[in-house]
Amino acid sequence: MNYDALRHFADSWGLVVMAAVFLTLVAWPFLPGSARGNVRAATSIFEDEEPIDG
């Protein structure tokens, strides 16, 4: 394959593949079964933190 053929392939099917991957990754957190994982990821930064005595 030469440069022009690879460029044409990347301009057409490469864009389709990248768009499909992007849409999949954007939609993944909104799937019905992912709520528990989302909450765990959102609160994971506080797992090793000690409570503040005030």
PDB file of N, CA and C in Angstrom:
ATOM      1  N   MET A   1       0.841  -1.184   0.000  1.00  0.00           N
ATOM      2  CA  MET A   1       0.000   0.000   0.000  1.00  0.00           C
ATOM      3  C   MET A   1       0.882   1.242   0.000  1.00  0.00           C
ATOM      4  N   ASN A   2       0.433   2.209  -0.700  1.00  0.00           N
ATOM      5  CA  ASN A   2       1.180   3.450  -0.704  1.00  0.00           C
ATOM      6  C   ASN A   2       0.500   4.474   0.212  1.00  0.00           C
ATOM      7  N   TYR A   3       1.086   5.632   0.267  1.00  0.00           N
ATOM      8  CA  TYR A   3       0.605   6.671   1.176  1.00  0.00           C
ATOM      9  C   TYR A   3      -0.829   7.089   0.865  1.00  0.00           C
ATOM     10  N   ASP A   4      -1.159   7.266  -0.392  1.00  0.00           N
ATOM     11  CA  ASP A   4      -2.499   7.722  -0.768  1.00  0.00           C
ATOM     12  C   ASP A   4      -3.579   6.718  -0.367  1.00  0.00           C
ATOM     13  N   ALA A   5      -3.289   5.442  -0.518  1.00  0.00           N
ATOM     14  CA  ALA A   5      -4.274   4.421  -0.139  1.00  0.00           C
ATOM     15  C   ALA A   5      -4.470   4.404   1.377  1.00  0.00           C
ATOM     16  N   LEU A   6      -3.378   4.500   2.129  1.00  0.00           N
ATOM     17  CA  LEU A   6      -3.499   4.530   3.589  1.00  0.00           C
ATOM     18  C   LEU A   6      -4.208   5.793   4.057  1.00  0.00           C
ATOM     19  N   ARG A   7      -3.935   6.899   3.417  1.00  0.00           N
ATOM     20  CA  ARG A   7      -4.591   8.162   3.774  1.00  0.00           C
ATOM     21  C   ARG A   7      -6.089   8.089   3.513  1.00  0.00           C
ATOM     22  N   HIS A   8      -6.465   7.524   2.392  1.00  0.00           N
ATOM     23  CA  HIS A   8      -7.881   7.379   2.068  1.00  0.00           C
ATOM     24  C   HIS A   8      -8.572   6.461   3.076  1.00  0.00           C
ATOM     25  N   PHE A   9      -7.935   5.362   3.440  1.00  0.00           N
ATOM     26  CA  PHE A   9      -8.495   4.437   4.425  1.00  0.00           C
ATOM     27  C   PHE A   9      -8.664   5.119   5.775  1.00  0.00           C
ATOM     28  N   ALA A  10      -7.665   5.863   6.203  1.00  0.00           N
ATOM     29  CA  ALA A  10      -7.738   6.547   7.492  1.00  0.00           C
ATOM     30  C   ALA A  10      -8.801   7.639   7.479  1.00  0.00           C
ATOM     31  N   ASP A  11      -8.950   8.327   6.378  1.00  0.00           N
ATOM     32  CA  ASP A  11      -9.950   9.386   6.283  1.00  0.00           C
ATOM     33  C   ASP A  11     -11.371   8.836   6.281  1.00  0.00           C
ATOM     34  N   SER A  12     -11.566   7.643   5.790  1.00  0.00           N
ATOM     35  CA  SER A  12     -12.923   7.114   5.713  1.00  0.00           C
ATOM     36  C   SER A  12     -13.226   6.177   6.887  1.00  0.00           C
ATOM     37  N   TRP A  13     -12.623   5.014   6.902  1.00  0.00           N
ATOM     38  CA  TRP A  13     -12.942   4.022   7.930  1.00  0.00           C
ATOM     39  C   TRP A  13     -12.305   4.339   9.274  1.00  0.00           C
ATOM     40  N   GLY A  14     -11.190   4.999   9.268  1.00  0.00           N
ATOM     41  CA  GLY A  14     -10.576   5.385  10.540  1.00  0.00           C
ATOM     42  C   GLY A  14     -11.458   6.330  11.319  1.00  0.00           C
ATOM     43  N   LEU A  15     -12.093   7.255  10.636  1.00  0.00           N
ATOM     44  CA  LEU A  15     -13.012   8.183  11.280  1.00  0.00           C
ATOM     45  C   LEU A  15     -14.222   7.455  11.837  1.00  0.00           C
ATOM     46  N   VAL A  16     -14.740   6.496  11.115  1.00  0.00           N
ATOM     47  CA  VAL A  16     -15.885   5.722  11.581  1.00  0.00           C
ATOM     48  C   VAL A  16     -15.524   4.930  12.833  1.00  0.00           C
ATOM     49  N   VAL A  17     -14.369   4.305  12.824  1.00  0.00           N
ATOM     50  CA  VAL A  17     -13.932   3.513  13.983  1.00  0.00           C
ATOM     51  C   VAL A  17     -13.711   4.411  15.199  1.00  0.00           C
ATOM     52  N   MET A  18     -13.058   5.549  15.016  1.00  0.00           N
ATOM     53  CA  MET A  18     -12.821   6.463  16.136  1.00  0.00           C
ATOM     54  C   MET A  18     -14.133   7.021  16.684  1.00  0.00           C
ATOM     55  N   ALA A  19     -15.095   7.314  15.829  1.00  0.00           N
ATOM     56  CA  ALA A  19     -16.392   7.805  16.280  1.00  0.00           C
ATOM     57  C   ALA A  19     -17.133   6.726  17.067  1.00  0.00           C
ATOM     58  N   ALA A  20     -17.064   5.485  16.609  1.00  0.00           N
ATOM     59  CA  ALA A  20     -17.723   4.387  17.320  1.00  0.00           C
ATOM     60  C   ALA A  20     -17.094   4.165  18.690  1.00  0.00           C
ATOM     61  N   VAL A  21     -15.770   4.209  18.778  1.00  0.00           N
ATOM     62  CA  VAL A  21     -15.090   4.058  20.066  1.00  0.00           C
ATOM     63  C   VAL A  21     -15.455   5.212  20.996  1.00  0.00           C
ATOM     64  N   PHE A  22     -15.476   6.426  20.478  1.00  0.00           N
ATOM     65  CA  PHE A  22     -15.834   7.584  21.292  1.00  0.00           C
ATOM     66  C   PHE A  22     -17.250   7.463  21.833  1.00  0.00           C
ATOM     67  N   LEU A  23     -18.209   7.128  20.984  1.00  0.00           N
ATOM     68  CA  LEU A  23     -19.594   7.004  21.434  1.00  0.00           C
ATOM     69  C   LEU A  23     -19.767   5.876  22.449  1.00  0.00           C
ATOM     70  N   THR A  24     -19.028   4.783  22.267  1.00  0.00           N
ATOM     71  CA  THR A  24     -19.083   3.687  23.232  1.00  0.00           C
ATOM     72  C   THR A  24     -18.556   4.117  24.591  1.00  0.00           C
ATOM     73  N   LEU A  25     -17.421   4.823  24.602  1.00  0.00           N
ATOM     74  CA  LEU A  25     -16.844   5.260  25.867  1.00  0.00           C
ATOM     75  C   LEU A  25     -17.689   6.331  26.553  1.00  0.00           C
ATOM     76  N   VAL A  26     -18.350   7.167  25.783  1.00  0.00           N
ATOM     77  CA  VAL A  26     -19.226   8.182  26.372  1.00  0.00           C
ATOM     78  C   VAL A  26     -20.481   7.544  26.952  1.00  0.00           C
ATOM     79  N   ALA A  27     -21.025   6.536  26.302  1.00  0.00           N
ATOM     80  CA  ALA A  27     -22.265   5.901  26.752  1.00  0.00           C
ATOM     81  C   ALA A  27     -22.044   4.894  27.878  1.00  0.00           C
ATOM     82  N   TRP A  28     -20.842   4.391  28.040  1.00  0.00           N
ATOM     83  CA  TRP A  28     -20.563   3.333  29.013  1.00  0.00           C
ATOM     84  C   TRP A  28     -20.991   3.681  30.444  1.00  0.00           C
ATOM     85  N   PRO A  29     -20.701   4.867  30.982  1.00  0.00           N
ATOM     86  CA  PRO A  29     -21.111   5.174  32.357  1.00  0.00           C
ATOM     87  C   PRO A  29     -22.615   5.261  32.551  1.00  0.00           C
ATOM     88  N   PHE A  30     -23.377   5.415  31.488  1.00  0.00           N
ATOM     89  CA  PHE A  30     -24.820   5.562  31.599  1.00  0.00           C
ATOM     90  C   PHE A  30     -25.579   4.248  31.459  1.00  0.00           C
ATOM     91  N   LEU A  31     -24.881   3.140  31.327  1.00  0.00           N
ATOM     92  CA  LEU A  31     -25.545   1.846  31.265  1.00  0.00           C
ATOM     93  C   LEU A  31     -26.217   1.551  32.601  1.00  0.00           C
ATOM     94  N   PRO A  32     -27.331   0.823  32.601  1.00  0.00           N
ATOM     95  CA  PRO A  32     -28.081   0.591  33.836  1.00  0.00           C
ATOM     96  C   PRO A  32     -27.278  -0.096  34.948  1.00  0.00           C
ATOM     97  N   GLY A  33     -26.387  -1.002  34.641  1.00  0.00           N
ATOM     98  CA  GLY A  33     -25.669  -1.744  35.666  1.00  0.00           C
ATOM     99  C   GLY A  33     -24.411  -1.073  36.179  1.00  0.00           C
ATOM    100  N   SER A  34     -24.104   0.125  35.745  1.00  0.00           N
ATOM    101  CA  SER A  34     -22.836   0.725  36.123  1.00  0.00           C
ATOM    102  C   SER A  34     -22.956   1.762  37.246  1.00  0.00           C
ATOM    103  N   ALA A  35     -24.108   1.890  37.873  1.00  0.00           N
ATOM    104  CA  ALA A  35     -24.301   2.906  38.913  1.00  0.00           C
ATOM    105  C   ALA A  35     -23.392   2.646  40.121  1.00  0.00           C
ATOM    106  N   ARG A  36     -23.283   1.384  40.542  1.00  0.00           N
ATOM    107  CA  ARG A  36     -22.445   1.060  41.701  1.00  0.00           C
ATOM    108  C   ARG A  36     -20.976   1.377  41.424  1.00  0.00           C
ATOM    109  N   GLY A  37     -20.506   1.049  40.247  1.00  0.00           N
ATOM    110  CA  GLY A  37     -19.128   1.349  39.880  1.00  0.00           C
ATOM    111  C   GLY A  37     -18.857   2.839  39.784  1.00  0.00           C
ATOM    112  N   ASN A  38     -19.846   3.603  39.328  1.00  0.00           N
ATOM    113  CA  ASN A  38     -19.695   5.046  39.240  1.00  0.00           C
ATOM    114  C   ASN A  38     -19.577   5.669  40.625  1.00  0.00           C
ATOM    115  N   VAL A  39     -20.396   5.216  41.555  1.00  0.00           N
ATOM    116  CA  VAL A  39     -20.343   5.737  42.926  1.00  0.00           C
ATOM    117  C   VAL A  39     -19.016   5.361  43.570  1.00  0.00           C
ATOM    118  N   ARG A  40     -18.572   4.145  43.350  1.00  0.00           N
ATOM    119  CA  ARG A  40     -17.286   3.716  43.923  1.00  0.00           C
ATOM    120  C   ARG A  40     -16.134   4.531  43.358  1.00  0.00           C
ATOM    121  N   ALA A  41     -16.147   4.797  42.065  1.00  0.00           N
ATOM    122  CA  ALA A  41     -15.095   5.594  41.444  1.00  0.00           C
ATOM    123  C   ALA A  41     -15.131   7.030  41.947  1.00  0.00           C
ATOM    124  N   ALA A  42     -16.329   7.566  42.160  1.00  0.00           N
ATOM    125  CA  ALA A  42     -16.452   8.950  42.609  1.00  0.00           C
ATOM    126  C   ALA A  42     -15.999   9.137  44.053  1.00  0.00           C
ATOM    127  N   THR A  43     -16.153   8.118  44.873  1.00  0.00           N
ATOM    128  CA  THR A  43     -15.796   8.241  46.289  1.00  0.00           C
ATOM    129  C   THR A  43     -14.468   7.583  46.631  1.00  0.00           C
ATOM    130  N   SER A  44     -13.768   7.027  45.664  1.00  0.00           N
ATOM    131  CA  SER A  44     -12.533   6.297  45.942  1.00  0.00           C
ATOM    132  C   SER A  44     -11.423   7.204  46.483  1.00  0.00           C
ATOM    133  N   ILE A  45     -11.473   8.489  46.191  1.00  0.00           N
ATOM    134  CA  ILE A  45     -10.409   9.373  46.673  1.00  0.00           C
ATOM    135  C   ILE A  45     -10.519   9.612  48.170  1.00  0.00           C
ATOM    136  N   PHE A  46     -11.656   9.275  48.774  1.00  0.00           N
ATOM    137  CA  PHE A  46     -11.863   9.503  50.202  1.00  0.00           C
ATOM    138  C   PHE A  46     -11.674   8.247  51.045  1.00  0.00           C
ATOM    139  N   GLU A  47     -11.282   7.126  50.450  1.00  0.00           N
ATOM    140  CA  GLU A  47     -11.204   5.858  51.175  1.00  0.00           C
ATOM    141  C   GLU A  47     -10.159   5.878  52.280  1.00  0.00           C
ATOM    142  N   ASP A  48      -9.003   6.481  52.077  1.00  0.00           N
ATOM    143  CA  ASP A  48      -7.934   6.447  53.065  1.00  0.00           C
ATOM    144  C   ASP A  48      -7.918   7.695  53.948  1.00  0.00           C
ATOM    145  N   GLU A  49      -8.935   8.505  53.859  1.00  0.00           N
ATOM    146  CA  GLU A  49      -8.962   9.756  54.597  1.00  0.00           C
ATOM    147  C   GLU A  49      -9.571   9.545  55.987  1.00  0.00           C
ATOM    148  N   GLU A  50      -8.955  10.147  56.978  1.00  0.00           N
ATOM    149  CA  GLU A  50      -9.480  10.057  58.332  1.00  0.00           C
ATOM    150  C   GLU A  50     -10.518  11.159  58.536  1.00  0.00           C
ATOM    151  N   PRO A  51     -11.550  10.896  59.333  1.00  0.00           N
ATOM    152  CA  PRO A  51     -12.568  11.923  59.569  1.00  0.00           C
ATOM    153  C   PRO A  51     -11.992  13.105  60.356  1.00  0.00           C
ATOM    154  N   ILE A  52     -12.542  14.261  60.093  1.00  0.00           N
ATOM    155  CA  ILE A  52     -12.101  15.480  60.784  1.00  0.00           C
ATOM    156  C   ILE A  52     -12.898  15.615  62.068  1.00  0.00           C
ATOM    157  N   ASP A  53     -12.193  15.690  63.199  1.00  0.00           N
ATOM    158  CA  ASP A  53     -12.846  15.884  64.493  1.00  0.00           C
ATOM    159  C   ASP A  53     -12.983  17.374  64.738  1.00  0.00           C
ATOM    160  N   GLY A  54     -14.196  17.860  64.795  1.00  0.00           N
ATOM    161  CA  GLY A  54     -14.360  19.293  64.908  1.00  0.00           C
ATOM    162  C   GLY A  54     -15.227  19.673  65.946  1.00  0.00           C
TER     163      GLY A  54
END
